[in-house]
């Protein structure tokens, strides 16, 4: 099982950076699925671009974007809108922190 840690520096912007083991574009799906399962969330849609994976994720009724940028090996969750989703991101940060 992968270890996930968080960087909460961007929470006020509705983003939660997630530190993971090393991955590449082709291996992201396994890490992404593990994270989604850990959060008891579900993936609604998946999109792949040249260097970016974007998944629409349902976490307890809140829709979030799970994004993964290949070159920087950066993974983050991002709100779609509003303060309510920011509270969800903060809650997820506490789940992953501990």
PDB file of N, CA and C in Angstrom:
ATOM      1  N   UNK A   1       0.844  -1.184   0.000  1.00  0.00           N
ATOM      2  CA  UNK A   1       0.000   0.000   0.000  1.00  0.00           C
ATOM      3  C   UNK A   1       0.886   1.243   0.000  1.00  0.00           C
ATOM      4  N   UNK A   2       0.548   2.188  -0.837  1.00  0.00           N
ATOM      5  CA  UNK A   2       1.311   3.436  -0.943  1.00  0.00           C
ATOM      6  C   UNK A   2       1.071   4.305   0.289  1.00  0.00           C
ATOM      7  N   UNK A   3       2.059   5.108   0.595  1.00  0.00           N
ATOM      8  CA  UNK A   3       1.907   6.058   1.690  1.00  0.00           C
ATOM      9  C   UNK A   3       1.591   7.425   1.097  1.00  0.00           C
ATOM     10  N   UNK A   4       0.518   8.027   1.580  1.00  0.00           N
ATOM     11  CA  UNK A   4       0.096   9.336   1.110  1.00  0.00           C
ATOM     12  C   UNK A   4       0.264  10.333   2.248  1.00  0.00           C
ATOM     13  N   UNK A   5       0.919  11.447   1.965  1.00  0.00           N
ATOM     14  CA  UNK A   5       1.023  12.539   2.923  1.00  0.00           C
ATOM     15  C   UNK A   5       0.530  13.802   2.236  1.00  0.00           C
ATOM     16  N   UNK A   6       0.239  14.815   3.023  1.00  0.00           N
ATOM     17  CA  UNK A   6      -0.362  16.008   2.441  1.00  0.00           C
ATOM     18  C   UNK A   6       0.491  17.244   2.674  1.00  0.00           C
ATOM     19  N   UNK A   7       0.318  18.188   1.783  1.00  0.00           N
ATOM     20  CA  UNK A   7       0.891  19.519   1.903  1.00  0.00           C
ATOM     21  C   UNK A   7      -0.305  20.459   1.867  1.00  0.00           C
ATOM     22  N   UNK A   8      -0.617  21.049   2.987  1.00  0.00           N
ATOM     23  CA  UNK A   8      -1.840  21.847   3.098  1.00  0.00           C
ATOM     24  C   UNK A   8      -1.646  23.315   2.726  1.00  0.00           C
ATOM     25  N   UNK A   9      -0.537  23.659   2.127  1.00  0.00           N
ATOM     26  CA  UNK A   9      -0.233  25.059   1.834  1.00  0.00           C
ATOM     27  C   UNK A   9      -1.247  25.717   0.909  1.00  0.00           C
ATOM     28  N   UNK A  10      -1.909  24.976   0.087  1.00  0.00           N
ATOM     29  CA  UNK A  10      -2.838  25.551  -0.897  1.00  0.00           C
ATOM     30  C   UNK A  10      -4.306  25.344  -0.531  1.00  0.00           C
ATOM     31  N   UNK A  11      -4.579  24.939   0.694  1.00  0.00           N
ATOM     32  CA  UNK A  11      -5.966  24.681   1.097  1.00  0.00           C
ATOM     33  C   UNK A  11      -6.866  25.894   0.904  1.00  0.00           C
ATOM     34  N   UNK A  12      -6.343  27.070   1.163  1.00  0.00           N
ATOM     35  CA  UNK A  12      -7.173  28.276   1.015  1.00  0.00           C
ATOM     36  C   UNK A  12      -7.571  28.511  -0.443  1.00  0.00           C
ATOM     37  N   UNK A  13      -6.858  27.885  -1.372  1.00  0.00           N
ATOM     38  CA  UNK A  13      -7.191  27.991  -2.799  1.00  0.00           C
ATOM     39  C   UNK A  13      -8.042  26.808  -3.262  1.00  0.00           C
ATOM     40  N   UNK A  14      -8.426  25.946  -2.314  1.00  0.00           N
ATOM     41  CA  UNK A  14      -9.245  24.798  -2.666  1.00  0.00           C
ATOM     42  C   UNK A  14      -8.472  23.659  -3.284  1.00  0.00           C
ATOM     43  N   UNK A  15      -7.159  23.581  -2.969  1.00  0.00           N
ATOM     44  CA  UNK A  15      -6.305  22.516  -3.504  1.00  0.00           C
ATOM     45  C   UNK A  15      -5.576  21.823  -2.367  1.00  0.00           C
ATOM     46  N   UNK A  16      -5.435  20.516  -2.509  1.00  0.00           N
ATOM     47  CA  UNK A  16      -4.707  19.717  -1.533  1.00  0.00           C
ATOM     48  C   UNK A  16      -3.645  18.924  -2.266  1.00  0.00           C
ATOM     49  N   UNK A  17      -2.384  19.297  -2.080  1.00  0.00           N
ATOM     50  CA  UNK A  17      -1.285  18.563  -2.689  1.00  0.00           C
ATOM     51  C   UNK A  17      -1.049  17.289  -1.911  1.00  0.00           C
ATOM     52  N   UNK A  18      -0.858  16.196  -2.629  1.00  0.00           N
ATOM     53  CA  UNK A  18      -0.695  14.889  -2.012  1.00  0.00           C
ATOM     54  C   UNK A  18       0.644  14.312  -2.449  1.00  0.00           C
ATOM     55  N   UNK A  19       1.498  14.017  -1.467  1.00  0.00           N
ATOM     56  CA  UNK A  19       2.786  13.401  -1.753  1.00  0.00           C
ATOM     57  C   UNK A  19       2.601  11.891  -1.797  1.00  0.00           C
ATOM     58  N   UNK A  20       3.173  11.267  -2.815  1.00  0.00           N
ATOM     59  CA  UNK A  20       3.024   9.832  -3.043  1.00  0.00           C
ATOM     60  C   UNK A  20       4.391   9.236  -3.379  1.00  0.00           C
ATOM     61  N   UNK A  21       4.450   7.912  -3.427  1.00  0.00           N
ATOM     62  CA  UNK A  21       5.683   7.294  -3.959  1.00  0.00           C
ATOM     63  C   UNK A  21       5.883   7.714  -5.415  1.00  0.00           C
ATOM     64  N   UNK A  22       7.061   7.508  -5.918  1.00  0.00           N
ATOM     65  CA  UNK A  22       7.389   7.845  -7.304  1.00  0.00           C
ATOM     66  C   UNK A  22       6.446   7.122  -8.266  1.00  0.00           C
ATOM     67  N   UNK A  23       6.021   7.834  -9.305  1.00  0.00           N
ATOM     68  CA  UNK A  23       5.147   7.267 -10.322  1.00  0.00           C
ATOM     69  C   UNK A  23       5.460   7.921 -11.652  1.00  0.00           C
ATOM     70  N   UNK A  24       4.981   7.306 -12.731  1.00  0.00           N
ATOM     71  CA  UNK A  24       5.095   7.920 -14.049  1.00  0.00           C
ATOM     72  C   UNK A  24       3.708   7.910 -14.698  1.00  0.00           C
ATOM     73  N   UNK A  25       3.636   8.430 -15.898  1.00  0.00           N
ATOM     74  CA  UNK A  25       2.338   8.585 -16.557  1.00  0.00           C
ATOM     75  C   UNK A  25       1.591   7.257 -16.644  1.00  0.00           C
ATOM     76  N   UNK A  26       2.314   6.194 -16.993  1.00  0.00           N
ATOM     77  CA  UNK A  26       1.669   4.900 -17.182  1.00  0.00           C
ATOM     78  C   UNK A  26       1.289   4.212 -15.877  1.00  0.00           C
ATOM     79  N   UNK A  27       1.958   4.549 -14.776  1.00  0.00           N
ATOM     80  CA  UNK A  27       1.664   3.880 -13.504  1.00  0.00           C
ATOM     81  C   UNK A  27       0.733   4.685 -12.602  1.00  0.00           C
ATOM     82  N   UNK A  28       0.303   5.867 -13.045  1.00  0.00           N
ATOM     83  CA  UNK A  28      -0.554   6.684 -12.192  1.00  0.00           C
ATOM     84  C   UNK A  28      -1.859   5.990 -11.819  1.00  0.00           C
ATOM     85  N   UNK A  29      -2.461   5.271 -12.744  1.00  0.00           N
ATOM     86  CA  UNK A  29      -3.778   4.671 -12.491  1.00  0.00           C
ATOM     87  C   UNK A  29      -3.777   3.835 -11.214  1.00  0.00           C
ATOM     88  N   UNK A  30      -2.718   3.085 -10.965  1.00  0.00           N
ATOM     89  CA  UNK A  30      -2.654   2.254  -9.758  1.00  0.00           C
ATOM     90  C   UNK A  30      -2.617   3.117  -8.500  1.00  0.00           C
ATOM     91  N   UNK A  31      -1.800   4.174  -8.509  1.00  0.00           N
ATOM     92  CA  UNK A  31      -1.711   5.064  -7.341  1.00  0.00           C
ATOM     93  C   UNK A  31      -3.024   5.823  -7.177  1.00  0.00           C
ATOM     94  N   UNK A  32      -3.596   6.300  -8.271  1.00  0.00           N
ATOM     95  CA  UNK A  32      -4.865   7.021  -8.206  1.00  0.00           C
ATOM     96  C   UNK A  32      -5.983   6.151  -7.648  1.00  0.00           C
ATOM     97  N   UNK A  33      -6.063   4.915  -8.109  1.00  0.00           N
ATOM     98  CA  UNK A  33      -7.092   3.994  -7.606  1.00  0.00           C
ATOM     99  C   UNK A  33      -6.898   3.714  -6.115  1.00  0.00           C
ATOM    100  N   UNK A  34      -5.643   3.561  -5.710  1.00  0.00           N
ATOM    101  CA  UNK A  34      -5.369   3.310  -4.296  1.00  0.00           C
ATOM    102  C   UNK A  34      -5.812   4.491  -3.431  1.00  0.00           C
ATOM    103  N   UNK A  35      -5.529   5.699  -3.888  1.00  0.00           N
ATOM    104  CA  UNK A  35      -5.937   6.890  -3.154  1.00  0.00           C
ATOM    105  C   UNK A  35      -7.460   6.989  -3.081  1.00  0.00           C
ATOM    106  N   UNK A  36      -8.130   6.788  -4.203  1.00  0.00           N
ATOM    107  CA  UNK A  36      -9.591   6.868  -4.245  1.00  0.00           C
ATOM    108  C   UNK A  36     -10.204   5.812  -3.314  1.00  0.00           C
ATOM    109  N   UNK A  37      -9.656   4.619  -3.326  1.00  0.00           N
ATOM    110  CA  UNK A  37     -10.147   3.553  -2.445  1.00  0.00           C
ATOM    111  C   UNK A  37      -9.917   3.903  -0.988  1.00  0.00           C
ATOM    112  N   UNK A  38      -8.732   4.427  -0.672  1.00  0.00           N
ATOM    113  CA  UNK A  38      -8.423   4.833   0.698  1.00  0.00           C
ATOM    114  C   UNK A  38      -9.433   5.848   1.217  1.00  0.00           C
ATOM    115  N   UNK A  39      -9.878   6.736   0.356  1.00  0.00           N
ATOM    116  CA  UNK A  39     -10.828   7.774   0.742  1.00  0.00           C
ATOM    117  C   UNK A  39     -12.285   7.300   0.666  1.00  0.00           C
ATOM    118  N   UNK A  40     -12.504   6.057   0.264  1.00  0.00           N
ATOM    119  CA  UNK A  40     -13.859   5.530   0.058  1.00  0.00           C
ATOM    120  C   UNK A  40     -14.644   6.417  -0.906  1.00  0.00           C
ATOM    121  N   UNK A  41     -13.966   6.867  -1.934  1.00  0.00           N
ATOM    122  CA  UNK A  41     -14.567   7.719  -2.959  1.00  0.00           C
ATOM    123  C   UNK A  41     -14.780   6.882  -4.223  1.00  0.00           C
ATOM    124  N   UNK A  42     -15.386   7.481  -5.225  1.00  0.00           N
ATOM    125  CA  UNK A  42     -15.587   6.801  -6.501  1.00  0.00           C
ATOM    126  C   UNK A  42     -15.171   7.726  -7.640  1.00  0.00           C
ATOM    127  N   UNK A  43     -14.681   7.128  -8.694  1.00  0.00           N
ATOM    128  CA  UNK A  43     -14.294   7.881  -9.890  1.00  0.00           C
ATOM    129  C   UNK A  43     -15.484   7.920 -10.835  1.00  0.00           C
ATOM    130  N   UNK A  44     -15.898   9.120 -11.221  1.00  0.00           N
ATOM    131  CA  UNK A  44     -17.028   9.307 -12.128  1.00  0.00           C
ATOM    132  C   UNK A  44     -16.583   9.402 -13.586  1.00  0.00           C
ATOM    133  N   UNK A  45     -15.446  10.085 -13.815  1.00  0.00           N
ATOM    134  CA  UNK A  45     -14.918  10.262 -15.175  1.00  0.00           C
ATOM    135  C   UNK A  45     -13.405  10.303 -15.104  1.00  0.00           C
ATOM    136  N   UNK A  46     -12.764   9.899 -16.190  1.00  0.00           N
ATOM    137  CA  UNK A  46     -11.301   9.954 -16.308  1.00  0.00           C
ATOM    138  C   UNK A  46     -10.941  10.604 -17.636  1.00  0.00           C
ATOM    139  N   UNK A  47      -9.939  11.462 -17.580  1.00  0.00           N
ATOM    140  CA  UNK A  47      -9.439  12.098 -18.795  1.00  0.00           C
ATOM    141  C   UNK A  47      -7.921  12.074 -18.749  1.00  0.00           C
ATOM    142  N   UNK A  48      -7.303  11.796 -19.886  1.00  0.00           N
ATOM    143  CA  UNK A  48      -5.847  11.840 -19.997  1.00  0.00           C
ATOM    144  C   UNK A  48      -5.476  12.814 -21.100  1.00  0.00           C
ATOM    145  N   UNK A  49      -4.558  13.703 -20.778  1.00  0.00           N
ATOM    146  CA  UNK A  49      -4.000  14.616 -21.765  1.00  0.00           C
ATOM    147  C   UNK A  49      -2.516  14.284 -21.904  1.00  0.00           C
ATOM    148  N   UNK A  50      -1.770  15.098 -22.600  1.00  0.00           N
ATOM    149  CA  UNK A  50      -0.372  14.807 -22.889  1.00  0.00           C
ATOM    150  C   UNK A  50       0.450  14.491 -21.638  1.00  0.00           C
ATOM    151  N   UNK A  51       0.282  15.261 -20.580  1.00  0.00           N
ATOM    152  CA  UNK A  51       1.060  15.020 -19.363  1.00  0.00           C
ATOM    153  C   UNK A  51       0.216  15.116 -18.097  1.00  0.00           C
ATOM    154  N   UNK A  52      -1.107  15.057 -18.235  1.00  0.00           N
ATOM    155  CA  UNK A  52      -1.990  15.279 -17.103  1.00  0.00           C
ATOM    156  C   UNK A  52      -3.133  14.263 -17.077  1.00  0.00           C
ATOM    157  N   UNK A  53      -3.311  13.644 -15.921  1.00  0.00           N
ATOM    158  CA  UNK A  53      -4.495  12.828 -15.664  1.00  0.00           C
ATOM    159  C   UNK A  53      -5.467  13.711 -14.892  1.00  0.00           C
ATOM    160  N   UNK A  54      -6.727  13.695 -15.254  1.00  0.00           N
ATOM    161  CA  UNK A  54      -7.766  14.412 -14.517  1.00  0.00           C
ATOM    162  C   UNK A  54      -8.929  13.455 -14.301  1.00  0.00           C
ATOM    163  N   UNK A  55      -9.244  13.213 -13.027  1.00  0.00           N
ATOM    164  CA  UNK A  55     -10.365  12.341 -12.681  1.00  0.00           C
ATOM    165  C   UNK A  55     -11.402  13.159 -11.930  1.00  0.00           C
ATOM    166  N   UNK A  56     -12.653  12.969 -12.267  1.00  0.00           N
ATOM    167  CA  UNK A  56     -13.758  13.535 -11.506  1.00  0.00           C
ATOM    168  C   UNK A  56     -14.107  12.504 -10.439  1.00  0.00           C
ATOM    169  N   UNK A  57     -13.997  12.915  -9.175  1.00  0.00           N
ATOM    170  CA  UNK A  57     -14.146  11.999  -8.054  1.00  0.00           C
ATOM    171  C   UNK A  57     -15.314  12.447  -7.177  1.00  0.00           C
ATOM    172  N   UNK A  58     -16.114  11.482  -6.761  1.00  0.00           N
ATOM    173  CA  UNK A  58     -17.216  11.739  -5.833  1.00  0.00           C
ATOM    174  C   UNK A  58     -16.771  11.291  -4.446  1.00  0.00           C
ATOM    175  N   UNK A  59     -16.649  12.255  -3.534  1.00  0.00           N
ATOM    176  CA  UNK A  59     -16.319  11.962  -2.139  1.00  0.00           C
ATOM    177  C   UNK A  59     -17.507  12.369  -1.288  1.00  0.00           C
ATOM    178  N   UNK A  60     -18.266  11.386  -0.842  1.00  0.00           N
ATOM    179  CA  UNK A  60     -19.421  11.608   0.025  1.00  0.00           C
ATOM    180  C   UNK A  60     -20.375  12.675  -0.525  1.00  0.00           C
ATOM    181  N   UNK A  61     -20.601  12.635  -1.832  1.00  0.00           N
ATOM    182  CA  UNK A  61     -21.538  13.563  -2.457  1.00  0.00           C
ATOM    183  C   UNK A  61     -20.918  14.847  -2.980  1.00  0.00           C
ATOM    184  N   UNK A  62     -19.661  15.092  -2.671  1.00  0.00           N
ATOM    185  CA  UNK A  62     -18.960  16.273  -3.200  1.00  0.00           C
ATOM    186  C   UNK A  62     -18.100  15.856  -4.381  1.00  0.00           C
ATOM    187  N   UNK A  63     -18.231  16.579  -5.483  1.00  0.00           N
ATOM    188  CA  UNK A  63     -17.416  16.295  -6.661  1.00  0.00           C
ATOM    189  C   UNK A  63     -16.126  17.093  -6.597  1.00  0.00           C
ATOM    190  N   UNK A  64     -15.020  16.389  -6.751  1.00  0.00           N
ATOM    191  CA  UNK A  64     -13.685  16.980  -6.717  1.00  0.00           C
ATOM    192  C   UNK A  64     -12.914  16.521  -7.941  1.00  0.00           C
ATOM    193  N   UNK A  65     -11.880  17.258  -8.291  1.00  0.00           N
ATOM    194  CA  UNK A  65     -10.977  16.829  -9.351  1.00  0.00           C
ATOM    195  C   UNK A  65      -9.717  16.257  -8.715  1.00  0.00           C
ATOM    196  N   UNK A  66      -9.337  15.071  -9.139  1.00  0.00           N
ATOM    197  CA  UNK A  66      -8.046  14.498  -8.782  1.00  0.00           C
ATOM    198  C   UNK A  66      -7.171  14.686 -10.002  1.00  0.00           C
ATOM    199  N   UNK A  67      -6.095  15.444  -9.843  1.00  0.00           N
ATOM    200  CA  UNK A  67      -5.211  15.733 -10.970  1.00  0.00           C
ATOM    201  C   UNK A  67      -3.819  15.208 -10.680  1.00  0.00           C
ATOM    202  N   UNK A  68      -3.152  14.760 -11.740  1.00  0.00           N
ATOM    203  CA  UNK A  68      -1.798  14.234 -11.618  1.00  0.00           C
ATOM    204  C   UNK A  68      -0.994  14.691 -12.825  1.00  0.00           C
ATOM    205  N   UNK A  69       0.051  15.465 -12.557  1.00  0.00           N
ATOM    206  CA  UNK A  69       0.897  16.006 -13.622  1.00  0.00           C
ATOM    207  C   UNK A  69       2.175  15.183 -13.698  1.00  0.00           C
ATOM    208  N   UNK A  70       2.391  14.587 -14.845  1.00  0.00           N
ATOM    209  CA  UNK A  70       3.465  13.620 -15.049  1.00  0.00           C
ATOM    210  C   UNK A  70       4.867  14.162 -14.774  1.00  0.00           C
ATOM    211  N   UNK A  71       5.246  15.259 -15.389  1.00  0.00           N
ATOM    212  CA  UNK A  71       6.635  15.713 -15.329  1.00  0.00           C
ATOM    213  C   UNK A  71       7.087  16.090 -13.925  1.00  0.00           C
ATOM    214  N   UNK A  72       6.207  16.678 -13.139  1.00  0.00           N
ATOM    215  CA  UNK A  72       6.585  17.062 -11.772  1.00  0.00           C
ATOM    216  C   UNK A  72       6.203  16.003 -10.743  1.00  0.00           C
ATOM    217  N   UNK A  73       5.543  14.938 -11.190  1.00  0.00           N
ATOM    218  CA  UNK A  73       5.028  13.893 -10.302  1.00  0.00           C
ATOM    219  C   UNK A  73       4.174  14.501  -9.191  1.00  0.00           C
ATOM    220  N   UNK A  74       3.346  15.479  -9.557  1.00  0.00           N
ATOM    221  CA  UNK A  74       2.492  16.173  -8.597  1.00  0.00           C
ATOM    222  C   UNK A  74       1.062  15.647  -8.700  1.00  0.00           C
ATOM    223  N   UNK A  75       0.496  15.313  -7.541  1.00  0.00           N
ATOM    224  CA  UNK A  75      -0.896  14.874  -7.463  1.00  0.00           C
ATOM    225  C   UNK A  75      -1.616  15.813  -6.510  1.00  0.00           C
ATOM    226  N   UNK A  76      -2.816  16.246  -6.913  1.00  0.00           N
ATOM    227  CA  UNK A  76      -3.586  17.100  -6.024  1.00  0.00           C
ATOM    228  C   UNK A  76      -5.079  16.884  -6.223  1.00  0.00           C
ATOM    229  N   UNK A  77      -5.821  17.193  -5.167  1.00  0.00           N
ATOM    230  CA  UNK A  77      -7.273  17.260  -5.222  1.00  0.00           C
ATOM    231  C   UNK A  77      -7.654  18.723  -5.303  1.00  0.00           C
ATOM    232  N   UNK A  78      -8.689  19.008  -6.056  1.00  0.00           N
ATOM    233  CA  UNK A  78      -9.093  20.390  -6.293  1.00  0.00           C
ATOM    234  C   UNK A  78     -10.619  20.491  -6.217  1.00  0.00           C
ATOM    235  N   UNK A  79     -11.094  21.541  -5.599  1.00  0.00           N
ATOM    236  CA  UNK A  79     -12.537  21.761  -5.522  1.00  0.00           C
ATOM    237  C   UNK A  79     -13.065  22.251  -6.857  1.00  0.00           C
ATOM    238  N   UNK A  80     -14.325  22.007  -7.091  1.00  0.00           N
ATOM    239  CA  UNK A  80     -14.986  22.537  -8.280  1.00  0.00           C
ATOM    240  C   UNK A  80     -15.625  23.879  -7.991  1.00  0.00           C
ATOM    241  N   UNK A  81     -16.074  24.066  -6.725  1.00  0.00           N
ATOM    242  CA  UNK A  81     -16.714  25.335  -6.404  1.00  0.00           C
ATOM    243  C   UNK A  81     -16.924  25.484  -4.914  1.00  0.00           C
ATOM    244  N   UNK A  82     -16.939  26.717  -4.491  1.00  0.00           N
ATOM    245  CA  UNK A  82     -17.469  27.118  -3.208  1.00  0.00           C
ATOM    246  C   UNK A  82     -16.779  26.672  -1.935  1.00  0.00           C
ATOM    247  N   UNK A  83     -17.219  27.311  -0.858  1.00  0.00           N
ATOM    248  CA  UNK A  83     -16.667  27.076   0.462  1.00  0.00           C
ATOM    249  C   UNK A  83     -16.982  25.680   0.989  1.00  0.00           C
ATOM    250  N   UNK A  84     -18.122  25.135   0.622  1.00  0.00           N
ATOM    251  CA  UNK A  84     -18.489  23.801   1.099  1.00  0.00           C
ATOM    252  C   UNK A  84     -17.464  22.770   0.641  1.00  0.00           C
ATOM    253  N   UNK A  85     -17.053  22.846  -0.625  1.00  0.00           N
ATOM    254  CA  UNK A  85     -16.040  21.920  -1.134  1.00  0.00           C
ATOM    255  C   UNK A  85     -14.689  22.157  -0.473  1.00  0.00           C
ATOM    256  N   UNK A  86     -14.373  23.394  -0.121  1.00  0.00           N
ATOM    257  CA  UNK A  86     -13.112  23.661   0.583  1.00  0.00           C
ATOM    258  C   UNK A  86     -13.110  22.983   1.941  1.00  0.00           C
ATOM    259  N   UNK A  87     -14.252  22.932   2.609  1.00  0.00           N
ATOM    260  CA  UNK A  87     -14.350  22.219   3.885  1.00  0.00           C
ATOM    261  C   UNK A  87     -14.096  20.727   3.667  1.00  0.00           C
ATOM    262  N   UNK A  88     -14.569  20.197   2.547  1.00  0.00           N
ATOM    263  CA  UNK A  88     -14.341  18.783   2.222  1.00  0.00           C
ATOM    264  C   UNK A  88     -12.853  18.535   2.012  1.00  0.00           C
ATOM    265  N   UNK A  89     -12.188  19.425   1.300  1.00  0.00           N
ATOM    266  CA  UNK A  89     -10.742  19.296   1.072  1.00  0.00           C
ATOM    267  C   UNK A  89      -9.988  19.327   2.408  1.00  0.00           C
ATOM    268  N   UNK A  90     -10.376  20.226   3.295  1.00  0.00           N
ATOM    269  CA  UNK A  90      -9.730  20.292   4.618  1.00  0.00           C
ATOM    270  C   UNK A  90      -9.961  18.992   5.406  1.00  0.00           C
ATOM    271  N   UNK A  91     -11.168  18.444   5.290  1.00  0.00           N
ATOM    272  CA  UNK A  91     -11.474  17.177   5.962  1.00  0.00           C
ATOM    273  C   UNK A  91     -10.605  16.049   5.402  1.00  0.00           C
ATOM    274  N   UNK A  92     -10.473  15.975   4.097  1.00  0.00           N
ATOM    275  CA  UNK A  92      -9.632  14.950   3.477  1.00  0.00           C
ATOM    276  C   UNK A  92      -8.188  15.097   3.941  1.00  0.00           C
ATOM    277  N   UNK A  93      -7.727  16.335   4.086  1.00  0.00           N
ATOM    278  CA  UNK A  93      -6.364  16.572   4.595  1.00  0.00           C
ATOM    279  C   UNK A  93      -6.181  15.934   5.961  1.00  0.00           C
ATOM    280  N   UNK A  94      -7.187  16.039   6.822  1.00  0.00           N
ATOM    281  CA  UNK A  94      -7.071  15.429   8.157  1.00  0.00           C
ATOM    282  C   UNK A  94      -7.078  13.904   8.060  1.00  0.00           C
ATOM    283  N   UNK A  95      -7.841  13.355   7.124  1.00  0.00           N
ATOM    284  CA  UNK A  95      -7.858  11.899   6.940  1.00  0.00           C
ATOM    285  C   UNK A  95      -6.485  11.377   6.513  1.00  0.00           C
ATOM    286  N   UNK A  96      -5.858  12.083   5.584  1.00  0.00           N
ATOM    287  CA  UNK A  96      -4.562  11.638   5.063  1.00  0.00           C
ATOM    288  C   UNK A  96      -3.412  11.946   6.024  1.00  0.00           C
ATOM    289  N   UNK A  97      -3.618  12.914   6.897  1.00  0.00           N
ATOM    290  CA  UNK A  97      -2.561  13.281   7.846  1.00  0.00           C
ATOM    291  C   UNK A  97      -2.464  12.269   8.977  1.00  0.00           C
ATOM    292  N   UNK A  98      -3.503  11.512   9.178  1.00  0.00           N
ATOM    293  CA  UNK A  98      -3.382  10.747  10.285  1.00  0.00           C
ATOM    294  C   UNK A  98      -3.825   9.563  10.789  1.00  0.00           C
TER     295      UNK A  98
END
